[in-house]
Amino acid sequence: MEVALSGGETGRAVVDPFLDTVGRVVAPDGVVLLLVSTLTGYDEVVARANDRGFAAETVVEESYPFETLSVLALARD
């Protein structure tokens, strides 16, 4: 659980492996919803999703003094 909360050095220790493998289990017309923090590197997460064949669209976001949280909808290109 600690890794999930801290995210490792880059903040993406859980997100990167998830994006690397989620394509195996999501249906061709399925959508993945992913909560991303600016502390995690929003642009890096979107770029990795794109590299794995997913288009990313921000569904909703909420800003706080120290970060912005965004829910991304990932769908196959």
C-alpha atoms as a PDB file:
ATOM      1  CA  MET A   1       0.000   0.000   0.000  1.00  0.00           C
ATOM      2  CA  GLU A   2       2.888   2.373   0.696  1.00  0.00           C
ATOM      3  CA  VAL A   3       3.998   2.293  -2.959  1.00  0.00           C
ATOM      4  CA  ALA A   4       0.454   3.068  -4.093  1.00  0.00           C
ATOM      5  CA  LEU A   5       0.369   6.101  -1.838  1.00  0.00           C
ATOM      6  CA  SER A   6       3.867   7.364  -2.548  1.00  0.00           C
ATOM      7  CA  GLY A   7       4.208   6.367  -6.204  1.00  0.00           C
ATOM      8  CA  GLY A   8       7.957   5.921  -5.892  1.00  0.00           C
ATOM      9  CA  GLU A   9      10.534   8.458  -7.058  1.00  0.00           C
ATOM     10  CA  THR A  10       8.630   9.596 -10.150  1.00  0.00           C
ATOM     11  CA  GLY A  11       5.178   9.263  -8.620  1.00  0.00           C
ATOM     12  CA  ARG A  12       4.311   6.711 -11.306  1.00  0.00           C
ATOM     13  CA  ALA A  13       5.567   3.440  -9.799  1.00  0.00           C
ATOM     14  CA  VAL A  14       2.029   2.052  -9.969  1.00  0.00           C
ATOM     15  CA  VAL A  15       0.635   4.033 -12.910  1.00  0.00           C
ATOM     16  CA  ASP A  16       3.354   3.136 -15.450  1.00  0.00           C
ATOM     17  CA  PRO A  17       3.052  -0.668 -15.060  1.00  0.00           C
ATOM     18  CA  PHE A  18      -0.732  -0.315 -15.075  1.00  0.00           C
ATOM     19  CA  LEU A  19      -0.654   1.554 -18.385  1.00  0.00           C
ATOM     20  CA  ASP A  20       1.829  -0.960 -19.786  1.00  0.00           C
ATOM     21  CA  THR A  21      -0.558  -3.875 -19.187  1.00  0.00           C
ATOM     22  CA  VAL A  22      -4.141  -2.588 -19.109  1.00  0.00           C
ATOM     23  CA  GLY A  23      -4.465  -2.959 -22.870  1.00  0.00           C
ATOM     24  CA  ARG A  24      -4.497  -6.736 -22.394  1.00  0.00           C
ATOM     25  CA  VAL A  25      -7.756  -6.694 -20.453  1.00  0.00           C
ATOM     26  CA  VAL A  26      -9.782  -3.698 -21.598  1.00  0.00           C
ATOM     27  CA  ALA A  27     -12.398  -4.453 -24.240  1.00  0.00           C
ATOM     28  CA  PRO A  28     -11.798  -2.966 -27.706  1.00  0.00           C
ATOM     29  CA  ASP A  29     -14.541  -0.389 -27.092  1.00  0.00           C
ATOM     30  CA  GLY A  30     -13.864  -0.146 -23.346  1.00  0.00           C
ATOM     31  CA  VAL A  31     -12.767   2.910 -21.419  1.00  0.00           C
ATOM     32  CA  VAL A  32     -10.258   3.114 -18.597  1.00  0.00           C
ATOM     33  CA  LEU A  33     -10.810   5.793 -15.948  1.00  0.00           C
ATOM     34  CA  LEU A  34      -7.610   6.883 -14.248  1.00  0.00           C
ATOM     35  CA  LEU A  35      -7.148   9.450 -11.487  1.00  0.00           C
ATOM     36  CA  VAL A  36      -3.959  11.461 -12.050  1.00  0.00           C
ATOM     37  CA  SER A  37      -2.308  14.103  -9.900  1.00  0.00           C
ATOM     38  CA  THR A  38      -0.109  16.889 -11.220  1.00  0.00           C
ATOM     39  CA  LEU A  39       2.369  15.648  -8.611  1.00  0.00           C
ATOM     40  CA  THR A  40       2.522  12.416 -10.630  1.00  0.00           C
ATOM     41  CA  GLY A  41       3.306  14.166 -13.885  1.00  0.00           C
ATOM     42  CA  TYR A  42       0.087  14.599 -15.815  1.00  0.00           C
ATOM     43  CA  ASP A  43       1.785  15.131 -19.181  1.00  0.00           C
ATOM     44  CA  GLU A  44       3.995  12.078 -18.702  1.00  0.00           C
ATOM     45  CA  VAL A  45       0.970   9.884 -17.901  1.00  0.00           C
ATOM     46  CA  VAL A  46      -0.907  11.122 -20.983  1.00  0.00           C
ATOM     47  CA  ALA A  47       2.177  10.561 -23.163  1.00  0.00           C
ATOM     48  CA  ARG A  48       2.613   7.003 -21.862  1.00  0.00           C
ATOM     49  CA  ALA A  49      -1.077   6.254 -22.445  1.00  0.00           C
ATOM     50  CA  ASN A  50      -0.757   7.609 -26.000  1.00  0.00           C
ATOM     51  CA  ASP A  51       2.352   5.470 -26.577  1.00  0.00           C
ATOM     52  CA  ARG A  52       0.340   2.417 -25.489  1.00  0.00           C
ATOM     53  CA  GLY A  53      -2.415   3.126 -28.035  1.00  0.00           C
ATOM     54  CA  PHE A  54      -4.866   5.091 -25.899  1.00  0.00           C
ATOM     55  CA  ALA A  55      -6.336   8.526 -26.502  1.00  0.00           C
ATOM     56  CA  ALA A  56      -6.710  10.475 -23.249  1.00  0.00           C
ATOM     57  CA  GLU A  57      -9.488  12.900 -22.447  1.00  0.00           C
ATOM     58  CA  THR A  58      -9.905  14.778 -19.166  1.00  0.00           C
ATOM     59  CA  VAL A  59     -13.354  14.010 -17.786  1.00  0.00           C
ATOM     60  CA  VAL A  60     -13.179  16.194 -14.690  1.00  0.00           C
ATOM     61  CA  GLU A  61     -10.522  17.976 -12.689  1.00  0.00           C
ATOM     62  CA  GLU A  62     -10.312  19.663  -9.334  1.00  0.00           C
ATOM     63  CA  SER A  63      -7.580  21.994  -8.149  1.00  0.00           C
ATOM     64  CA  TYR A  64      -6.102  22.330  -4.689  1.00  0.00           C
ATOM     65  CA  PRO A  65      -3.331  24.637  -3.480  1.00  0.00           C
ATOM     66  CA  PHE A  66      -0.666  21.937  -3.954  1.00  0.00           C
ATOM     67  CA  GLU A  67      -1.966  19.841  -6.867  1.00  0.00           C
ATOM     68  CA  THR A  68      -4.651  19.333  -9.464  1.00  0.00           C
ATOM     69  CA  LEU A  69      -6.454  16.000  -9.667  1.00  0.00           C
ATOM     70  CA  SER A  70      -7.779  14.890 -13.055  1.00  0.00           C
ATOM     71  CA  VAL A  71      -9.826  11.900 -14.081  1.00  0.00           C
ATOM     72  CA  LEU A  72      -8.688  10.705 -17.492  1.00  0.00           C
ATOM     73  CA  ALA A  73     -10.843   8.596 -19.790  1.00  0.00           C
ATOM     74  CA  LEU A  74      -8.534   6.391 -21.847  1.00  0.00           C
ATOM     75  CA  ALA A  75      -9.941   4.821 -25.002  1.00  0.00           C
ATOM     76  CA  ARG A  76      -8.166   2.957 -27.774  1.00  0.00           C
ATOM     77  CA  ASP A  77      -7.128   5.141 -30.708  1.00  0.00           C
END
